[in-house]
Amino acid sequence: MDIKKHIQQRSNEILPELIGIRRHIHENPELSFQEHETAALVERELHSLGLKTTRFANTGVVAIIEGKNPGKKVVGLRADMDALPIVEVNDGRPYRSKKEGVMHACGHDVHTTSLLGAARLLTEIKDHFEGSVKLIFQPGEEKLPGGASLMIEEGVLENPKVNVMIGQHVMPGIVTGNTGFRPGLYMASTDEIYITVTGKGGHGAMPHFNIDPVLISAHLIVALQQVVSRVANPAIPSVLSFGKVIAQGATNVIPNEVKIDGTFRTLDEAWRSEAHEKMLSIAKGLVEGMGGQVDFVIKRGYPFLKNHEALTHRLQSQAKDFLGDDHVEDLGIWMAAEDFSYFSQAVPSCFYRLGTRNEAKKTTFSVHHPSFDADEDALEQGCGLLAYLAISELQTD
């Protein structure tokens, strides 16, 4: 059997069915760790293929496709299932979310559907490859502590032991039909920052009687930027951003406190910890020096994501074989975060990008945007490439 040709043909043939599944999931999104309906759908689809399923982290679903000599090698394929708390723009698409305020704005509906398609392709040809493929449908990628960490704690990488992990994620910056890879460091760690600056509120016309937390907060936000611009090694990518500032005062009212929320991201664990200490030191010294008090909480999030060099080079080469050289791109470092990083810290892993950009279909908005959508034609490549990469890796000692 020509496995590559078979997968290419079958992935095209099942595309209409996959589009139907994706639209159903898109219309019925579920927030992190609440993916009950989605998990049930995944189970039904896998059971229809004759596969047994196991639950992890409550709403996570796992199944194993055994080829000949199933214990020889195990490749894990991961798809996340959760949606985001975003109101989807009503632009007339027939499969808009039916749940107001919840939306698949990051393409997890595409990821889940692609892995279901890959499961179908792999079960059809399981007598033609050696080893096993572990299908991991993961909850809660968008919310700490991350479904990947919980599934790993519960033993998802054991029994049978997973030798390598592969994950894919949509990217609207890459045209449909193309994919992208990056060996080595790829995505950043992520930490959530929650600051409360407390002063003494009062009338805006009499600031000398007050301790103004708004002014202190303004100085603090600017001062903390030196952690990235002057303390960090310029060779280590770092980002410090504040996206939420709440001061419940008025034009003539100085409030008692200001709340500031932000994020810190980097690609080096030692520097990550050092930066935390520096931020805490700056905040305490500056705020107390101006007469206020500060509560500075850093909620440690996902670690950085590092693609295994040799594995990623192999898979990139196989992707070129499957799609053609012109359809495989090199990626740069991306400062967003992903809890697939937990897999990459545990076993040799590769996390690559699936192009979904189509100007004519207006699938050009970034992930997490209320107008985000994916070109559904990418499902053909999404399922076919996953299946082909899994089989190719099983054939590698």
Protein backbone atom coordinates (compact mmCIF):
# COMPACT_ATOMS: atom_id res chain seq x y z
CA MET A 1 0.00 0.00 0.00
CA ASP A 2 1.14 3.52 -0.83
CA ILE A 3 0.34 5.03 2.58
CA LYS A 4 0.98 8.63 1.58
CA LYS A 5 -1.27 8.42 -1.45
CA HIS A 6 -3.98 6.67 0.55
CA ILE A 7 -3.96 9.31 3.28
CA GLN A 8 -4.03 12.16 0.76
CA GLN A 9 -6.98 10.60 -1.06
CA ARG A 10 -8.97 9.71 2.03
CA SER A 11 -8.41 13.05 3.76
CA ASN A 12 -9.96 14.71 0.72
CA GLU A 13 -12.89 12.28 0.68
CA ILE A 14 -13.81 12.79 4.33
CA LEU A 15 -13.46 16.59 4.23
CA PRO A 16 -17.24 17.26 3.94
CA GLU A 17 -17.87 15.14 7.04
CA LEU A 18 -15.11 16.90 8.94
CA ILE A 19 -16.55 20.29 8.05
CA GLY A 20 -19.87 19.16 9.52
CA ILE A 21 -18.20 18.06 12.75
CA ARG A 22 -16.21 21.28 13.01
CA ARG A 23 -19.30 23.42 12.53
CA HIS A 24 -21.18 21.51 15.20
CA ILE A 25 -18.33 22.03 17.65
CA HIS A 26 -18.05 25.70 16.65
CA GLU A 27 -21.77 26.26 17.23
CA ASN A 28 -21.57 24.62 20.65
CA PRO A 29 -18.40 25.96 22.30
CA GLU A 30 -17.53 25.18 25.91
CA LEU A 31 -15.19 27.01 28.25
CA SER A 32 -12.08 25.49 29.82
CA PHE A 33 -12.72 22.38 31.93
CA GLN A 34 -16.43 22.50 30.98
CA GLU A 35 -16.10 20.58 27.71
CA HIS A 36 -18.73 17.96 28.57
CA GLU A 37 -20.66 17.99 25.28
CA THR A 38 -17.48 18.15 23.23
CA ALA A 39 -15.94 15.23 25.11
CA ALA A 40 -19.10 13.20 24.58
CA LEU A 41 -19.00 13.96 20.84
CA VAL A 42 -15.36 12.90 20.66
CA GLU A 43 -16.18 9.66 22.47
CA ARG A 44 -19.03 8.88 20.07
CA GLU A 45 -16.81 9.42 17.06
CA LEU A 46 -14.01 7.27 18.48
CA HIS A 47 -16.40 4.51 19.55
CA SER A 48 -17.78 4.43 15.99
CA LEU A 49 -14.25 3.56 14.87
CA GLY A 50 -14.12 0.66 17.31
CA LEU A 51 -11.78 2.45 19.72
CA LYS A 52 -12.00 2.32 23.51
CA THR A 53 -11.78 5.62 25.35
CA THR A 54 -10.54 6.70 28.76
CA ARG A 55 -11.22 9.94 30.62
CA PHE A 56 -8.47 12.14 32.08
CA ALA A 57 -8.89 15.42 33.96
CA ASN A 58 -12.66 14.89 33.88
CA THR A 59 -13.31 16.11 30.33
CA GLY A 60 -10.17 14.86 28.59
CA VAL A 61 -10.54 11.88 26.26
CA VAL A 62 -7.83 9.40 25.29
CA ALA A 63 -7.84 6.48 22.86
CA ILE A 64 -5.14 4.21 21.45
CA ILE A 65 -4.83 2.93 17.88
CA GLU A 66 -2.70 -0.19 17.85
CA GLY A 67 -0.87 -1.24 14.75
CA LYS A 68 1.21 -4.36 14.34
CA ASN A 69 3.67 -4.90 17.21
CA PRO A 70 1.87 -2.17 19.22
CA GLY A 71 4.51 -1.86 21.93
CA LYS A 72 7.36 -1.08 19.54
CA LYS A 73 6.87 2.71 19.69
CA VAL A 74 4.09 5.07 20.77
CA VAL A 75 3.42 8.44 19.17
CA GLY A 76 1.06 10.84 20.95
CA LEU A 77 -1.16 13.25 19.01
CA ARG A 78 -2.81 16.08 20.95
CA ALA A 79 -5.77 18.36 20.25
CA ASP A 80 -7.25 20.90 22.68
CA MET A 81 -11.02 21.30 22.94
CA ASP A 82 -11.90 24.42 24.96
CA ALA A 83 -13.29 27.75 23.78
CA LEU A 84 -12.87 31.35 24.99
CA PRO A 85 -15.16 33.85 26.81
CA ILE A 86 -15.55 36.06 23.72
CA VAL A 87 -18.70 37.37 22.02
CA GLU A 88 -18.49 36.22 18.39
CA VAL A 89 -19.11 38.85 15.73
CA ASN A 90 -22.34 38.12 13.89
CA ASP A 91 -21.15 38.39 10.29
CA GLY A 92 -23.75 36.06 8.82
CA ARG A 93 -21.82 32.79 8.98
CA PRO A 94 -24.31 29.91 9.36
CA TYR A 95 -22.32 28.19 12.10
CA ARG A 96 -21.97 31.09 14.54
CA SER A 97 -21.79 30.21 18.24
CA LYS A 98 -25.15 29.45 19.82
CA LYS A 99 -23.78 30.34 23.26
CA GLU A 100 -23.58 34.10 23.70
CA GLY A 101 -20.25 35.11 25.15
CA VAL A 102 -18.50 31.82 24.36
CA MET A 103 -16.59 31.34 21.11
CA HIS A 104 -14.04 29.08 19.45
CA ALA A 105 -11.74 32.02 18.76
CA CYS A 106 -8.49 30.05 18.87
CA GLY A 107 -9.22 27.22 16.45
CA HIS A 108 -9.59 24.42 18.98
CA ASP A 109 -12.65 23.24 17.05
CA VAL A 110 -10.33 22.76 14.07
CA HIS A 111 -7.76 20.95 16.23
CA THR A 112 -10.35 18.53 17.64
CA THR A 113 -11.87 17.84 14.25
CA SER A 114 -8.46 17.33 12.62
CA LEU A 115 -7.50 14.74 15.23
CA LEU A 116 -10.83 12.95 14.80
CA GLY A 117 -10.12 12.85 11.06
CA ALA A 118 -6.60 11.55 11.69
CA ALA A 119 -8.08 8.86 13.95
CA ARG A 120 -10.28 7.69 11.11
CA LEU A 121 -7.39 7.58 8.66
CA LEU A 122 -5.12 5.72 11.07
CA THR A 123 -7.70 3.10 12.04
CA GLU A 124 -8.25 2.34 8.35
CA ILE A 125 -4.57 1.47 7.85
CA LYS A 126 -3.57 0.16 11.28
CA ASP A 127 -2.56 -3.17 9.73
CA HIS A 128 0.04 -1.35 7.63
CA PHE A 129 2.17 0.22 10.37
CA GLU A 130 3.96 -0.93 13.52
CA GLY A 131 3.56 0.66 16.91
CA SER A 132 0.69 2.64 18.43
CA VAL A 133 -0.79 6.11 18.24
CA LYS A 134 -2.24 7.64 21.41
CA LEU A 135 -4.95 10.18 20.69
CA ILE A 136 -5.12 12.88 23.39
CA PHE A 137 -8.12 15.22 23.36
CA GLN A 138 -7.24 17.77 26.02
CA PRO A 139 -9.40 20.16 28.04
CA GLY A 140 -8.52 23.55 29.47
CA GLU A 141 -5.65 24.86 27.36
CA GLU A 142 -6.85 28.44 27.82
CA LYS A 143 -6.94 28.43 31.62
CA LEU A 144 -4.34 27.82 34.32
CA PRO A 145 -3.12 25.34 35.42
CA GLY A 146 -3.67 23.95 31.92
CA GLY A 147 -5.28 20.66 31.00
CA ALA A 148 -1.98 19.26 29.73
CA SER A 149 -0.41 19.46 33.19
CA LEU A 150 -3.41 17.74 34.78
CA MET A 151 -3.48 14.93 32.21
CA ILE A 152 0.26 14.35 32.64
CA GLU A 153 -0.18 14.20 36.43
CA GLU A 154 -2.87 11.57 35.94
CA GLY A 155 -0.54 9.45 33.78
CA VAL A 156 -1.60 10.18 30.21
CA LEU A 157 1.97 9.67 28.99
CA GLU A 158 2.13 6.18 30.55
CA ASN A 159 0.49 2.79 29.92
CA PRO A 160 1.61 2.69 27.20
CA LYS A 161 4.52 5.08 27.58
CA VAL A 162 4.52 7.82 24.94
CA ASN A 163 7.87 8.17 23.14
CA VAL A 164 7.16 11.41 21.26
CA MET A 165 4.38 13.99 21.21
CA ILE A 166 3.04 15.92 18.21
CA GLY A 167 0.63 18.85 18.29
CA GLN A 168 -0.65 21.28 15.69
CA HIS A 169 -2.27 24.70 15.99
CA VAL A 170 -4.00 26.91 13.45
CA MET A 171 -2.22 30.07 12.33
CA PRO A 172 -4.13 32.72 10.32
CA GLY A 173 -0.80 34.27 9.33
CA ILE A 174 -0.03 31.25 7.12
CA VAL A 175 -2.09 30.60 3.99
CA THR A 176 -4.25 27.50 3.78
CA GLY A 177 -2.26 24.62 2.33
CA ASN A 178 0.95 25.61 4.11
CA THR A 179 2.38 24.66 7.46
CA GLY A 180 5.19 25.99 9.66
CA PHE A 181 7.88 24.45 11.87
CA ARG A 182 10.56 25.71 14.24
CA PRO A 183 13.14 23.44 15.90
CA GLY A 184 14.29 24.48 19.38
CA LEU A 185 12.87 27.37 21.42
CA TYR A 186 9.50 28.40 20.03
CA MET A 187 6.96 29.79 22.54
CA ALA A 188 7.24 31.72 25.79
CA SER A 189 6.44 30.96 29.39
CA THR A 190 3.53 32.94 30.75
CA ASP A 191 2.89 34.44 34.18
CA GLU A 192 -0.14 36.42 35.32
CA ILE A 193 0.49 39.55 37.41
CA TYR A 194 -2.09 40.99 39.80
CA ILE A 195 -1.21 44.24 41.61
CA THR A 196 -3.22 46.25 44.11
CA VAL A 197 -1.85 49.69 44.98
CA THR A 198 -3.48 51.15 48.10
CA GLY A 199 -3.34 54.82 49.05
CA LYS A 200 -5.74 57.26 50.69
CA GLY A 201 -8.63 58.56 48.63
CA GLY A 202 -10.33 61.91 48.77
CA HIS A 203 -11.26 65.03 46.81
CA GLY A 204 -9.30 65.60 43.63
CA ALA A 205 -9.03 69.31 44.45
CA MET A 206 -7.16 68.59 47.67
CA PRO A 207 -4.41 66.11 46.71
CA HIS A 208 -2.24 67.19 49.66
CA PHE A 209 -4.66 65.43 52.01
CA ASN A 210 -4.52 62.19 50.00
CA ILE A 211 -2.08 59.48 48.95
CA ASP A 212 -2.90 59.14 45.28
CA PRO A 213 -2.78 55.47 44.15
CA VAL A 214 -3.47 56.50 40.55
CA LEU A 215 -0.28 58.56 40.36
CA ILE A 216 1.68 55.85 42.17
CA SER A 217 0.35 53.23 39.75
CA ALA A 218 1.34 55.32 36.75
CA HIS A 219 4.90 55.56 38.05
CA LEU A 220 4.91 51.84 38.85
CA ILE A 221 3.80 50.73 35.39
CA VAL A 222 6.55 52.82 33.80
CA ALA A 223 9.20 51.74 36.32
CA LEU A 224 8.49 48.04 35.87
CA GLN A 225 9.32 48.30 32.16
CA GLN A 226 13.00 48.64 33.06
CA VAL A 227 12.91 44.94 34.00
CA VAL A 228 12.67 44.20 30.26
CA SER A 229 14.50 47.23 28.82
CA ARG A 230 17.42 47.51 31.24
CA VAL A 231 17.70 44.40 33.45
CA ALA A 232 16.99 41.57 31.00
CA ASN A 233 19.75 40.21 28.81
CA PRO A 234 18.85 41.53 25.33
CA ALA A 235 19.53 38.04 23.96
CA ILE A 236 16.64 36.60 26.00
CA PRO A 237 13.22 37.50 24.57
CA SER A 238 11.02 39.04 27.29
CA VAL A 239 7.64 40.78 27.34
CA LEU A 240 5.94 42.66 30.18
CA SER A 241 2.48 44.03 29.39
CA PHE A 242 -0.34 45.47 31.46
CA GLY A 243 -3.79 45.20 29.93
CA LYS A 244 -6.12 46.09 32.76
CA VAL A 245 -6.05 49.09 35.14
CA ILE A 246 -9.04 49.82 37.37
CA ALA A 247 -9.29 52.98 39.46
CA GLN A 248 -12.84 53.45 40.72
CA GLY A 249 -12.62 57.19 41.15
CA ALA A 250 -14.06 60.09 39.16
CA THR A 251 -12.93 63.37 37.60
CA ASN A 252 -12.80 64.89 41.08
CA VAL A 253 -12.41 61.76 43.21
CA ILE A 254 -9.11 60.09 44.07
CA PRO A 255 -9.84 56.42 44.87
CA ASN A 256 -8.40 54.43 47.74
CA GLU A 257 -6.88 51.77 45.51
CA VAL A 258 -5.95 50.84 41.96
CA LYS A 259 -5.88 47.31 40.53
CA ILE A 260 -3.46 46.42 37.72
CA ASP A 261 -3.38 43.14 35.78
CA GLY A 262 -0.65 42.09 33.38
CA THR A 263 1.50 39.33 31.98
CA PHE A 264 5.20 38.50 31.92
CA ARG A 265 6.66 36.17 29.29
CA THR A 266 10.12 34.90 28.48
CA LEU A 267 12.08 31.91 27.15
CA ASP A 268 14.52 31.29 30.00
CA GLU A 269 13.50 29.75 33.34
CA ALA A 270 16.40 31.17 35.39
CA TRP A 271 15.73 34.70 34.12
CA ARG A 272 12.01 34.16 34.67
CA SER A 273 12.54 33.65 38.41
CA GLU A 274 15.04 36.52 38.61
CA ALA A 275 12.59 38.86 36.90
CA HIS A 276 9.88 37.96 39.40
CA GLU A 277 12.12 39.00 42.28
CA LYS A 278 13.14 42.23 40.53
CA MET A 279 9.53 43.22 39.88
CA LEU A 280 8.56 42.58 43.50
CA SER A 281 11.52 44.65 44.72
CA ILE A 282 10.76 47.60 42.42
CA ALA A 283 7.08 47.59 43.34
CA LYS A 284 7.66 47.53 47.09
CA GLY A 285 10.32 50.22 47.03
CA LEU A 286 8.51 52.60 44.71
CA VAL A 287 5.03 52.33 46.17
CA GLU A 288 6.10 52.50 49.80
CA GLY A 289 8.47 55.33 48.95
CA MET A 290 5.50 57.32 47.67
CA GLY A 291 3.47 56.60 50.81
CA GLY A 292 1.30 53.74 49.59
CA GLN A 293 1.07 49.98 50.06
CA VAL A 294 1.30 47.29 47.40
CA ASP A 295 0.05 43.74 47.09
CA PHE A 296 1.98 42.14 44.21
CA VAL A 297 0.92 38.63 43.17
CA ILE A 298 2.60 36.65 40.40
CA LYS A 299 0.64 33.58 39.31
CA ARG A 300 3.16 31.28 37.66
CA GLY A 301 1.79 29.87 34.42
CA TYR A 302 2.97 27.61 31.62
CA PRO A 303 6.68 26.97 31.02
CA PHE A 304 8.34 27.86 27.72
CA LEU A 305 7.83 25.52 24.78
CA LYS A 306 10.88 23.94 23.19
CA ASN A 307 10.55 21.76 20.14
CA HIS A 308 12.90 18.78 20.16
CA GLU A 309 15.52 19.58 17.51
CA ALA A 310 15.98 16.17 15.86
CA LEU A 311 12.29 15.26 16.01
CA THR A 312 11.18 18.59 14.55
CA HIS A 313 13.72 18.38 11.73
CA ARG A 314 12.43 14.88 10.91
CA LEU A 315 8.79 15.96 10.93
CA GLN A 316 9.52 19.06 8.87
CA SER A 317 11.17 16.85 6.28
CA GLN A 318 8.19 14.49 6.28
CA ALA A 319 5.81 17.44 5.92
CA LYS A 320 7.71 18.51 2.81
CA ASP A 321 7.37 14.99 1.47
CA PHE A 322 3.61 15.05 2.13
CA LEU A 323 2.80 18.62 1.05
CA GLY A 324 5.72 19.68 -1.14
CA ASP A 325 8.73 21.83 -0.27
CA ASP A 326 6.97 25.09 -1.12
CA HIS A 327 4.23 24.45 1.42
CA VAL A 328 6.43 24.15 4.52
CA GLU A 329 7.62 27.37 6.15
CA ASP A 330 10.19 28.23 8.82
CA LEU A 331 8.73 29.92 11.91
CA GLY A 332 10.22 32.53 14.20
CA ILE A 333 9.94 32.71 17.98
CA TRP A 334 6.40 33.53 19.13
CA MET A 335 5.86 35.16 22.53
CA ALA A 336 2.41 33.67 23.02
CA ALA A 337 2.14 30.70 25.38
CA GLU A 338 0.76 27.17 25.11
CA ASP A 339 0.29 24.43 27.67
CA PHE A 340 1.55 21.92 25.12
CA SER A 341 4.81 23.11 26.67
CA TYR A 342 4.19 20.66 29.53
CA PHE A 343 4.39 17.81 27.02
CA SER A 344 7.56 19.30 25.55
CA GLN A 345 9.11 19.34 29.03
CA ALA A 346 8.24 15.65 29.56
CA VAL A 347 9.00 13.87 26.26
CA PRO A 348 10.55 14.80 22.89
CA SER A 349 7.84 16.93 21.26
CA CYS A 350 7.00 18.98 18.19
CA PHE A 351 4.38 21.72 18.01
CA TYR A 352 3.79 23.04 14.48
CA ARG A 353 1.42 25.43 12.72
CA LEU A 354 -1.44 24.76 10.31
CA GLY A 355 -2.20 27.53 7.84
CA THR A 356 -5.82 28.73 7.76
CA ARG A 357 -5.52 32.11 6.00
CA ASN A 358 -7.75 32.72 2.99
CA GLU A 359 -8.26 36.31 1.86
CA ALA A 360 -11.34 35.46 -0.21
CA LYS A 361 -13.02 33.77 2.74
CA LYS A 362 -11.91 36.54 5.14
CA THR A 363 -10.20 34.08 7.48
CA THR A 364 -7.47 36.60 8.22
CA PHE A 365 -8.28 37.76 11.76
CA SER A 366 -5.89 36.77 14.53
CA VAL A 367 -6.73 34.16 17.12
CA HIS A 368 -8.65 35.49 20.15
CA HIS A 369 -10.36 38.07 17.92
CA PRO A 370 -14.20 38.11 17.88
CA SER A 371 -14.14 37.85 14.07
CA PHE A 372 -11.69 34.94 13.97
CA ASP A 373 -12.57 32.07 11.67
CA ALA A 374 -10.60 29.32 9.95
CA ASP A 375 -10.65 28.24 6.33
CA GLU A 376 -12.33 24.85 6.61
CA ASP A 377 -10.41 23.50 3.63
CA ALA A 378 -7.46 23.34 6.04
CA LEU A 379 -9.15 20.37 7.74
CA GLU A 380 -8.03 18.18 4.86
CA GLN A 381 -4.39 18.99 5.55
CA GLY A 382 -5.01 19.12 9.28
CA CYS A 383 -6.09 15.48 9.52
CA GLY A 384 -3.92 14.11 6.69
CA LEU A 385 -0.66 15.63 7.88
CA LEU A 386 -1.22 14.52 11.48
CA ALA A 387 -1.78 10.94 10.34
CA TYR A 388 1.19 10.95 7.98
CA LEU A 389 3.57 12.44 10.54
CA ALA A 390 2.49 9.88 13.13
CA ILE A 391 3.13 6.95 10.81
CA SER A 392 6.42 8.43 9.59
CA GLU A 393 7.62 8.81 13.16
CA LEU A 394 6.57 5.26 14.05
CA GLN A 395 8.88 4.08 11.29
CA THR A 396 11.82 5.93 12.87
CA ASP A 397 13.90 4.05 15.43
